[in-house]
């Protein structure tokens, strides 16, 4: 399963837009293909220190995908690649190819 993480904060207009884009794009995938989690920079001082001026931040499997503005087509392309890669890994994380 691919994990998409949105790093945001309350009352953030760009975060609201990013969340909507994520919801629309992820809806096109099987339920067990992409897990979406959202974390607030206000709940984690290290996240705040790292990302406070770049939110919203979108990570795919822990790697930076975008910050500030999110493009739906680019996100879909990245998720296609990530879910394809996830499908070739065994539960232990090793490649099956």
PDB file of N, CA and C in Angstrom:
ATOM      1  N   UNK A   1       0.845  -1.179   0.000  1.00  0.00           N
ATOM      2  CA  UNK A   1       0.000   0.000   0.000  1.00  0.00           C
ATOM      3  C   UNK A   1       0.888   1.239   0.000  1.00  0.00           C
ATOM      4  N   UNK A   2       0.473   2.220  -0.749  1.00  0.00           N
ATOM      5  CA  UNK A   2       1.166   3.498  -0.823  1.00  0.00           C
ATOM      6  C   UNK A   2       0.572   4.433   0.226  1.00  0.00           C
ATOM      7  N   UNK A   3       1.434   5.161   0.923  1.00  0.00           N
ATOM      8  CA  UNK A   3       0.978   6.112   1.927  1.00  0.00           C
ATOM      9  C   UNK A   3       1.199   7.531   1.428  1.00  0.00           C
ATOM     10  N   UNK A   4       0.136   8.305   1.423  1.00  0.00           N
ATOM     11  CA  UNK A   4       0.197   9.716   1.067  1.00  0.00           C
ATOM     12  C   UNK A   4      -0.039  10.498   2.345  1.00  0.00           C
ATOM     13  N   UNK A   5       0.877  11.383   2.677  1.00  0.00           N
ATOM     14  CA  UNK A   5       0.779  12.188   3.889  1.00  0.00           C
ATOM     15  C   UNK A   5       0.639  13.653   3.515  1.00  0.00           C
ATOM     16  N   UNK A   6      -0.361  14.292   4.097  1.00  0.00           N
ATOM     17  CA  UNK A   6      -0.526  15.733   3.942  1.00  0.00           C
ATOM     18  C   UNK A   6      -0.075  16.375   5.254  1.00  0.00           C
ATOM     19  N   UNK A   7       0.891  17.247   5.167  1.00  0.00           N
ATOM     20  CA  UNK A   7       1.329  18.007   6.333  1.00  0.00           C
ATOM     21  C   UNK A   7       0.685  19.382   6.198  1.00  0.00           C
ATOM     22  N   UNK A   8      -0.103  19.745   7.200  1.00  0.00           N
ATOM     23  CA  UNK A   8      -0.920  20.946   7.095  1.00  0.00           C
ATOM     24  C   UNK A   8      -0.992  21.654   8.445  1.00  0.00           C
ATOM     25  N   UNK A   9      -1.895  22.626   8.506  1.00  0.00           N
ATOM     26  CA  UNK A   9      -2.238  23.271   9.776  1.00  0.00           C
ATOM     27  C   UNK A   9      -3.665  23.775   9.649  1.00  0.00           C
ATOM     28  N   UNK A  10      -4.325  24.005  10.763  1.00  0.00           N
ATOM     29  CA  UNK A  10      -5.700  24.520  10.719  1.00  0.00           C
ATOM     30  C   UNK A  10      -5.753  25.904  10.064  1.00  0.00           C
ATOM     31  N   UNK A  11      -6.896  26.204   9.472  1.00  0.00           N
ATOM     32  CA  UNK A  11      -7.144  27.516   8.862  1.00  0.00           C
ATOM     33  C   UNK A  11      -6.140  27.873   7.772  1.00  0.00           C
ATOM     34  N   UNK A  12      -5.794  26.883   6.973  1.00  0.00           N
ATOM     35  CA  UNK A  12      -4.837  27.078   5.878  1.00  0.00           C
ATOM     36  C   UNK A  12      -5.582  26.842   4.569  1.00  0.00           C
ATOM     37  N   UNK A  13      -5.800  27.910   3.808  1.00  0.00           N
ATOM     38  CA  UNK A  13      -6.551  27.801   2.555  1.00  0.00           C
ATOM     39  C   UNK A  13      -5.868  26.858   1.566  1.00  0.00           C
ATOM     40  N   UNK A  14      -4.563  26.965   1.400  1.00  0.00           N
ATOM     41  CA  UNK A  14      -3.858  26.075   0.478  1.00  0.00           C
ATOM     42  C   UNK A  14      -3.938  24.615   0.936  1.00  0.00           C
ATOM     43  N   UNK A  15      -3.994  24.406   2.242  1.00  0.00           N
ATOM     44  CA  UNK A  15      -4.149  23.038   2.767  1.00  0.00           C
ATOM     45  C   UNK A  15      -5.515  22.487   2.390  1.00  0.00           C
ATOM     46  N   UNK A  16      -6.532  23.322   2.468  1.00  0.00           N
ATOM     47  CA  UNK A  16      -7.882  22.898   2.085  1.00  0.00           C
ATOM     48  C   UNK A  16      -7.928  22.510   0.608  1.00  0.00           C
ATOM     49  N   UNK A  17      -7.283  23.296  -0.230  1.00  0.00           N
ATOM     50  CA  UNK A  17      -7.240  23.005  -1.661  1.00  0.00           C
ATOM     51  C   UNK A  17      -6.487  21.703  -1.909  1.00  0.00           C
ATOM     52  N   UNK A  18      -5.345  21.528  -1.265  1.00  0.00           N
ATOM     53  CA  UNK A  18      -4.560  20.298  -1.438  1.00  0.00           C
ATOM     54  C   UNK A  18      -5.355  19.074  -1.003  1.00  0.00           C
ATOM     55  N   UNK A  19      -6.073  19.193   0.110  1.00  0.00           N
ATOM     56  CA  UNK A  19      -6.896  18.086   0.622  1.00  0.00           C
ATOM     57  C   UNK A  19      -7.971  17.703  -0.399  1.00  0.00           C
ATOM     58  N   UNK A  20      -8.595  18.702  -1.020  1.00  0.00           N
ATOM     59  CA  UNK A  20      -9.614  18.430  -2.037  1.00  0.00           C
ATOM     60  C   UNK A  20      -9.016  17.711  -3.244  1.00  0.00           C
ATOM     61  N   UNK A  21      -7.847  18.153  -3.685  1.00  0.00           N
ATOM     62  CA  UNK A  21      -7.181  17.507  -4.817  1.00  0.00           C
ATOM     63  C   UNK A  21      -6.835  16.064  -4.472  1.00  0.00           C
ATOM     64  N   UNK A  22      -6.295  15.848  -3.290  1.00  0.00           N
ATOM     65  CA  UNK A  22      -5.955  14.489  -2.853  1.00  0.00           C
ATOM     66  C   UNK A  22      -7.207  13.621  -2.845  1.00  0.00           C
ATOM     67  N   UNK A  23      -8.292  14.117  -2.282  1.00  0.00           N
ATOM     68  CA  UNK A  23      -9.535  13.340  -2.218  1.00  0.00           C
ATOM     69  C   UNK A  23     -10.021  12.944  -3.610  1.00  0.00           C
ATOM     70  N   UNK A  24      -9.981  13.871  -4.545  1.00  0.00           N
ATOM     71  CA  UNK A  24     -10.442  13.601  -5.909  1.00  0.00           C
ATOM     72  C   UNK A  24      -9.545  12.563  -6.586  1.00  0.00           C
ATOM     73  N   UNK A  25      -8.243  12.737  -6.491  1.00  0.00           N
ATOM     74  CA  UNK A  25      -7.306  11.826  -7.164  1.00  0.00           C
ATOM     75  C   UNK A  25      -7.338  10.441  -6.532  1.00  0.00           C
ATOM     76  N   UNK A  26      -7.307  10.361  -5.214  1.00  0.00           N
ATOM     77  CA  UNK A  26      -7.259   9.069  -4.519  1.00  0.00           C
ATOM     78  C   UNK A  26      -8.550   8.283  -4.740  1.00  0.00           C
ATOM     79  N   UNK A  27      -9.649   8.959  -4.983  1.00  0.00           N
ATOM     80  CA  UNK A  27     -10.922   8.271  -5.227  1.00  0.00           C
ATOM     81  C   UNK A  27     -10.860   7.362  -6.452  1.00  0.00           C
ATOM     82  N   UNK A  28      -9.920   7.598  -7.347  1.00  0.00           N
ATOM     83  CA  UNK A  28      -9.778   6.787  -8.558  1.00  0.00           C
ATOM     84  C   UNK A  28      -9.031   5.475  -8.324  1.00  0.00           C
ATOM     85  N   UNK A  29      -8.497   5.270  -7.133  1.00  0.00           N
ATOM     86  CA  UNK A  29      -7.708   4.069  -6.825  1.00  0.00           C
ATOM     87  C   UNK A  29      -8.524   3.093  -5.987  1.00  0.00           C
ATOM     88  N   UNK A  30      -8.135   1.829  -6.057  1.00  0.00           N
ATOM     89  CA  UNK A  30      -8.758   0.832  -5.192  1.00  0.00           C
ATOM     90  C   UNK A  30      -8.588   1.252  -3.738  1.00  0.00           C
ATOM     91  N   UNK A  31      -9.549   0.860  -2.913  1.00  0.00           N
ATOM     92  CA  UNK A  31      -9.562   1.264  -1.508  1.00  0.00           C
ATOM     93  C   UNK A  31      -8.274   0.893  -0.765  1.00  0.00           C
ATOM     94  N   UNK A  32      -7.676  -0.235  -1.129  1.00  0.00           N
ATOM     95  CA  UNK A  32      -6.470  -0.687  -0.423  1.00  0.00           C
ATOM     96  C   UNK A  32      -5.176  -0.285  -1.129  1.00  0.00           C
ATOM     97  N   UNK A  33      -5.246   0.603  -2.114  1.00  0.00           N
ATOM     98  CA  UNK A  33      -4.049   0.999  -2.857  1.00  0.00           C
ATOM     99  C   UNK A  33      -3.329   2.186  -2.228  1.00  0.00           C
ATOM    100  N   UNK A  34      -4.087   3.154  -1.711  1.00  0.00           N
ATOM    101  CA  UNK A  34      -3.493   4.384  -1.171  1.00  0.00           C
ATOM    102  C   UNK A  34      -4.112   4.691   0.185  1.00  0.00           C
ATOM    103  N   UNK A  35      -3.259   4.862   1.169  1.00  0.00           N
ATOM    104  CA  UNK A  35      -3.681   5.281   2.499  1.00  0.00           C
ATOM    105  C   UNK A  35      -3.333   6.766   2.648  1.00  0.00           C
ATOM    106  N   UNK A  36      -4.307   7.566   3.055  1.00  0.00           N
ATOM    107  CA  UNK A  36      -4.089   9.001   3.230  1.00  0.00           C
ATOM    108  C   UNK A  36      -4.084   9.320   4.718  1.00  0.00           C
ATOM    109  N   UNK A  37      -3.053  10.027   5.124  1.00  0.00           N
ATOM    110  CA  UNK A  37      -2.997  10.492   6.510  1.00  0.00           C
ATOM    111  C   UNK A  37      -2.695  11.983   6.485  1.00  0.00           C
ATOM    112  N   UNK A  38      -3.194  12.670   7.475  1.00  0.00           N
ATOM    113  CA  UNK A  38      -2.935  14.106   7.574  1.00  0.00           C
ATOM    114  C   UNK A  38      -2.386  14.398   8.958  1.00  0.00           C
ATOM    115  N   UNK A  39      -1.340  15.186   8.989  1.00  0.00           N
ATOM    116  CA  UNK A  39      -0.738  15.580  10.258  1.00  0.00           C
ATOM    117  C   UNK A  39      -0.589  17.097  10.270  1.00  0.00           C
ATOM    118  N   UNK A  40      -0.741  17.660  11.442  1.00  0.00           N
ATOM    119  CA  UNK A  40      -0.640  19.108  11.602  1.00  0.00           C
ATOM    120  C   UNK A  40       0.740  19.486  12.124  1.00  0.00           C
ATOM    121  N   UNK A  41       1.294  20.530  11.561  1.00  0.00           N
ATOM    122  CA  UNK A  41       2.585  21.008  12.060  1.00  0.00           C
ATOM    123  C   UNK A  41       2.460  21.536  13.482  1.00  0.00           C
ATOM    124  N   UNK A  42       1.245  21.833  13.905  1.00  0.00           N
ATOM    125  CA  UNK A  42       1.044  22.336  15.261  1.00  0.00           C
ATOM    126  C   UNK A  42       1.135  21.237  16.312  1.00  0.00           C
ATOM    127  N   UNK A  43       1.052  19.972  15.876  1.00  0.00           N
ATOM    128  CA  UNK A  43       1.108  18.844  16.802  1.00  0.00           C
ATOM    129  C   UNK A  43       2.505  18.245  16.941  1.00  0.00           C
ATOM    130  N   UNK A  44       3.446  18.706  16.144  1.00  0.00           N
ATOM    131  CA  UNK A  44       4.774  18.103  16.136  1.00  0.00           C
ATOM    132  C   UNK A  44       5.821  19.188  15.900  1.00  0.00           C
ATOM    133  N   UNK A  45       6.580  19.530  16.938  1.00  0.00           N
ATOM    134  CA  UNK A  45       7.573  20.603  16.800  1.00  0.00           C
ATOM    135  C   UNK A  45       8.599  20.358  15.684  1.00  0.00           C
ATOM    136  N   UNK A  46       8.983  19.119  15.458  1.00  0.00           N
ATOM    137  CA  UNK A  46       9.971  18.865  14.397  1.00  0.00           C
ATOM    138  C   UNK A  46       9.364  19.095  13.013  1.00  0.00           C
ATOM    139  N   UNK A  47       8.081  18.724  12.846  1.00  0.00           N
ATOM    140  CA  UNK A  47       7.409  19.028  11.579  1.00  0.00           C
ATOM    141  C   UNK A  47       7.298  20.534  11.399  1.00  0.00           C
ATOM    142  N   UNK A  48       6.968  21.228  12.469  1.00  0.00           N
ATOM    143  CA  UNK A  48       6.858  22.683  12.391  1.00  0.00           C
ATOM    144  C   UNK A  48       8.188  23.297  11.962  1.00  0.00           C
ATOM    145  N   UNK A  49       9.272  22.873  12.612  1.00  0.00           N
ATOM    146  CA  UNK A  49      10.593  23.422  12.297  1.00  0.00           C
ATOM    147  C   UNK A  49      10.981  23.176  10.842  1.00  0.00           C
ATOM    148  N   UNK A  50      10.607  22.023  10.318  1.00  0.00           N
ATOM    149  CA  UNK A  50      10.984  21.649   8.961  1.00  0.00           C
ATOM    150  C   UNK A  50      10.102  22.293   7.903  1.00  0.00           C
ATOM    151  N   UNK A  51       8.798  22.348   8.140  1.00  0.00           N
ATOM    152  CA  UNK A  51       7.858  22.679   7.070  1.00  0.00           C
ATOM    153  C   UNK A  51       7.035  23.956   7.255  1.00  0.00           C
ATOM    154  N   UNK A  52       7.196  24.701   8.322  1.00  0.00           N
ATOM    155  CA  UNK A  52       6.259  25.778   8.652  1.00  0.00           C
ATOM    156  C   UNK A  52       6.009  26.757   7.519  1.00  0.00           C
ATOM    157  N   UNK A  53       7.011  27.033   6.683  1.00  0.00           N
ATOM    158  CA  UNK A  53       6.794  28.008   5.620  1.00  0.00           C
ATOM    159  C   UNK A  53       6.493  27.374   4.259  1.00  0.00           C
ATOM    160  N   UNK A  54       6.305  26.039   4.225  1.00  0.00           N
ATOM    161  CA  UNK A  54       6.076  25.360   2.956  1.00  0.00           C
ATOM    162  C   UNK A  54       4.760  24.601   2.898  1.00  0.00           C
ATOM    163  N   UNK A  55       3.939  24.682   3.919  1.00  0.00           N
ATOM    164  CA  UNK A  55       2.703  23.904   3.915  1.00  0.00           C
ATOM    165  C   UNK A  55       1.720  24.462   2.896  1.00  0.00           C
ATOM    166  N   UNK A  56       0.870  23.635   2.368  1.00  0.00           N
ATOM    167  CA  UNK A  56       0.793  22.202   2.615  1.00  0.00           C
ATOM    168  C   UNK A  56       1.950  21.464   1.948  1.00  0.00           C
ATOM    169  N   UNK A  57       2.319  20.372   2.571  1.00  0.00           N
ATOM    170  CA  UNK A  57       3.357  19.495   2.048  1.00  0.00           C
ATOM    171  C   UNK A  57       2.708  18.144   1.805  1.00  0.00           C
ATOM    172  N   UNK A  58       3.012  17.539   0.668  1.00  0.00           N
ATOM    173  CA  UNK A  58       2.498  16.213   0.362  1.00  0.00           C
ATOM    174  C   UNK A  58       3.684  15.272   0.204  1.00  0.00           C
ATOM    175  N   UNK A  59       3.656  14.203   0.979  1.00  0.00           N
ATOM    176  CA  UNK A  59       4.673  13.156   0.901  1.00  0.00           C
ATOM    177  C   UNK A  59       4.027  11.906   0.328  1.00  0.00           C
ATOM    178  N   UNK A  60       4.759  11.187  -0.482  1.00  0.00           N
ATOM    179  CA  UNK A  60       4.318   9.880  -0.962  1.00  0.00           C
ATOM    180  C   UNK A  60       5.348   8.879  -0.472  1.00  0.00           C
ATOM    181  N   UNK A  61       4.882   7.962   0.358  1.00  0.00           N
ATOM    182  CA  UNK A  61       5.754   6.973   0.995  1.00  0.00           C
ATOM    183  C   UNK A  61       6.954   7.644   1.662  1.00  0.00           C
ATOM    184  N   UNK A  62       6.665   8.754   2.336  1.00  0.00           N
ATOM    185  CA  UNK A  62       7.685   9.442   3.117  1.00  0.00           C
ATOM    186  C   UNK A  62       8.603  10.351   2.329  1.00  0.00           C
ATOM    187  N   UNK A  63       8.427  10.426   1.025  1.00  0.00           N
ATOM    188  CA  UNK A  63       9.277  11.272   0.182  1.00  0.00           C
ATOM    189  C   UNK A  63       8.474  12.488  -0.294  1.00  0.00           C
ATOM    190  N   UNK A  64       9.145  13.625  -0.311  1.00  0.00           N
ATOM    191  CA  UNK A  64       8.495  14.861  -0.727  1.00  0.00           C
ATOM    192  C   UNK A  64       7.977  14.747  -2.153  1.00  0.00           C
ATOM    193  N   UNK A  65       6.705  15.050  -2.315  1.00  0.00           N
ATOM    194  CA  UNK A  65       6.111  15.129  -3.653  1.00  0.00           C
ATOM    195  C   UNK A  65       5.881  16.597  -4.036  1.00  0.00           C
ATOM    196  N   UNK A  66       5.308  17.378  -3.135  1.00  0.00           N
ATOM    197  CA  UNK A  66       4.997  18.774  -3.455  1.00  0.00           C
ATOM    198  C   UNK A  66       4.848  19.583  -2.181  1.00  0.00           C
ATOM    199  N   UNK A  67       5.032  20.881  -2.334  1.00  0.00           N
ATOM    200  CA  UNK A  67       4.676  21.805  -1.254  1.00  0.00           C
ATOM    201  C   UNK A  67       4.074  23.049  -1.878  1.00  0.00           C
ATOM    202  N   UNK A  68       3.351  23.788  -1.087  1.00  0.00           N
ATOM    203  CA  UNK A  68       2.580  24.981  -1.457  1.00  0.00           C
ATOM    204  C   UNK A  68       1.411  24.655  -2.371  1.00  0.00           C
ATOM    205  N   UNK A  69       1.671  24.276  -3.598  1.00  0.00           N
ATOM    206  CA  UNK A  69       0.582  24.008  -4.545  1.00  0.00           C
ATOM    207  C   UNK A  69       0.686  22.584  -5.069  1.00  0.00           C
ATOM    208  N   UNK A  70      -0.456  21.943  -5.200  1.00  0.00           N
ATOM    209  CA  UNK A  70      -0.519  20.549  -5.629  1.00  0.00           C
ATOM    210  C   UNK A  70      -1.215  20.467  -6.975  1.00  0.00           C
ATOM    211  N   UNK A  71      -0.598  19.761  -7.919  1.00  0.00           N
ATOM    212  CA  UNK A  71      -1.151  19.573  -9.252  1.00  0.00           C
ATOM    213  C   UNK A  71      -1.745  18.163  -9.347  1.00  0.00           C
ATOM    214  N   UNK A  72      -3.019  18.070  -9.710  1.00  0.00           N
ATOM    215  CA  UNK A  72      -3.715  16.776  -9.736  1.00  0.00           C
ATOM    216  C   UNK A  72      -3.074  15.805 -10.724  1.00  0.00           C
ATOM    217  N   UNK A  73      -2.725  16.258 -11.912  1.00  0.00           N
ATOM    218  CA  UNK A  73      -2.140  15.363 -12.921  1.00  0.00           C
ATOM    219  C   UNK A  73      -0.779  14.840 -12.460  1.00  0.00           C
ATOM    220  N   UNK A  74       0.019  15.716 -11.885  1.00  0.00           N
ATOM    221  CA  UNK A  74       1.338  15.292 -11.385  1.00  0.00           C
ATOM    222  C   UNK A  74       1.187  14.311 -10.214  1.00  0.00           C
ATOM    223  N   UNK A  75       0.211  14.574  -9.346  1.00  0.00           N
ATOM    224  CA  UNK A  75      -0.047  13.665  -8.232  1.00  0.00           C
ATOM    225  C   UNK A  75      -0.484  12.302  -8.747  1.00  0.00           C
ATOM    226  N   UNK A  76      -1.367  12.281  -9.718  1.00  0.00           N
ATOM    227  CA  UNK A  76      -1.850  11.009 -10.281  1.00  0.00           C
ATOM    228  C   UNK A  76      -0.681  10.208 -10.887  1.00  0.00           C
ATOM    229  N   UNK A  77       0.184  10.872 -11.611  1.00  0.00           N
ATOM    230  CA  UNK A  77       1.347  10.209 -12.209  1.00  0.00           C
ATOM    231  C   UNK A  77       2.244   9.614 -11.120  1.00  0.00           C
ATOM    232  N   UNK A  78       2.479  10.379 -10.061  1.00  0.00           N
ATOM    233  CA  UNK A  78       3.321   9.899  -8.960  1.00  0.00           C
ATOM    234  C   UNK A  78       2.667   8.737  -8.222  1.00  0.00           C
ATOM    235  N   UNK A  79       1.355   8.807  -8.009  1.00  0.00           N
ATOM    236  CA  UNK A  79       0.659   7.706  -7.338  1.00  0.00           C
ATOM    237  C   UNK A  79       0.611   6.464  -8.212  1.00  0.00           C
ATOM    238  N   UNK A  80       0.453   6.640  -9.521  1.00  0.00           N
ATOM    239  CA  UNK A  80       0.499   5.483 -10.426  1.00  0.00           C
ATOM    240  C   UNK A  80       1.830   4.751 -10.269  1.00  0.00           C
ATOM    241  N   UNK A  81       2.915   5.501 -10.273  1.00  0.00           N
ATOM    242  CA  UNK A  81       4.249   4.896 -10.126  1.00  0.00           C
ATOM    243  C   UNK A  81       4.416   4.258  -8.750  1.00  0.00           C
ATOM    244  N   UNK A  82       3.971   4.942  -7.711  1.00  0.00           N
ATOM    245  CA  UNK A  82       4.131   4.426  -6.346  1.00  0.00           C
ATOM    246  C   UNK A  82       3.301   3.172  -6.123  1.00  0.00           C
ATOM    247  N   UNK A  83       2.068   3.157  -6.623  1.00  0.00           N
ATOM    248  CA  UNK A  83       1.233   1.970  -6.419  1.00  0.00           C
ATOM    249  C   UNK A  83       1.744   0.799  -7.254  1.00  0.00           C
ATOM    250  N   UNK A  84       2.285   1.098  -8.422  1.00  0.00           N
ATOM    251  CA  UNK A  84       2.888   0.044  -9.249  1.00  0.00           C
ATOM    252  C   UNK A  84       4.107  -0.546  -8.532  1.00  0.00           C
ATOM    253  N   UNK A  85       4.942   0.331  -7.953  1.00  0.00           N
ATOM    254  CA  UNK A  85       6.107  -0.131  -7.197  1.00  0.00           C
ATOM    255  C   UNK A  85       5.686  -0.936  -5.972  1.00  0.00           C
ATOM    256  N   UNK A  86       4.640  -0.485  -5.291  1.00  0.00           N
ATOM    257  CA  UNK A  86       4.158  -1.189  -4.095  1.00  0.00           C
ATOM    258  C   UNK A  86       3.652  -2.576  -4.451  1.00  0.00           C
ATOM    259  N   UNK A  87       3.071  -2.713  -5.629  1.00  0.00           N
ATOM    260  CA  UNK A  87       2.535  -4.009  -6.053  1.00  0.00           C
ATOM    261  C   UNK A  87       3.642  -5.018  -6.326  1.00  0.00           C
ATOM    262  N   UNK A  88       4.855  -4.543  -6.595  1.00  0.00           N
ATOM    263  CA  UNK A  88       5.959  -5.467  -6.881  1.00  0.00           C
ATOM    264  C   UNK A  88       6.762  -5.822  -5.640  1.00  0.00           C
ATOM    265  N   UNK A  89       6.426  -5.213  -4.493  1.00  0.00           N
ATOM    266  CA  UNK A  89       7.126  -5.530  -3.250  1.00  0.00           C
ATOM    267  C   UNK A  89       6.356  -6.583  -2.465  1.00  0.00           C
ATOM    268  N   UNK A  90       7.080  -7.446  -1.795  1.00  0.00           N
ATOM    269  CA  UNK A  90       6.466  -8.413  -0.905  1.00  0.00           C
ATOM    270  C   UNK A  90       6.141  -7.728   0.410  1.00  0.00           C
ATOM    271  N   UNK A  91       5.390  -8.361   1.300  1.00  0.00           N
ATOM    272  CA  UNK A  91       5.108  -7.746   2.604  1.00  0.00           C
ATOM    273  C   UNK A  91       6.371  -7.388   3.374  1.00  0.00           C
ATOM    274  N   UNK A  92       7.494  -8.051   3.120  1.00  0.00           N
ATOM    275  CA  UNK A  92       8.738  -7.742   3.805  1.00  0.00           C
ATOM    276  C   UNK A  92       9.419  -6.508   3.235  1.00  0.00           C
ATOM    277  N   UNK A  93       8.875  -6.002   2.101  1.00  0.00           N
ATOM    278  CA  UNK A  93       9.451  -4.806   1.494  1.00  0.00           C
ATOM    279  C   UNK A  93      10.439  -5.109   0.391  1.00  0.00           C
ATOM    280  N   UNK A  94      10.688  -6.407   0.124  1.00  0.00           N
ATOM    281  CA  UNK A  94      11.639  -6.776  -0.909  1.00  0.00           C
ATOM    282  C   UNK A  94      10.942  -6.868  -2.264  1.00  0.00           C
ATOM    283  N   UNK A  95      11.689  -6.536  -3.301  1.00  0.00           N
ATOM    284  CA  UNK A  95      11.140  -6.625  -4.664  1.00  0.00           C
ATOM    285  C   UNK A  95      10.899  -8.069  -5.039  1.00  0.00           C
ATOM    286  N   UNK A  96       9.796  -8.287  -5.784  1.00  0.00           N
ATOM    287  CA  UNK A  96       9.498  -9.631  -6.270  1.00  0.00           C
ATOM    288  C   UNK A  96      10.059  -9.848  -7.661  1.00  0.00           C
ATOM    289  N   UNK A  97      10.484  -8.787  -8.307  1.00  0.00           N
ATOM    290  CA  UNK A  97      11.012  -8.895  -9.682  1.00  0.00           C
ATOM    291  C   UNK A  97      12.476  -9.240  -9.681  1.00  0.00           C
TER     292      UNK A  97
END
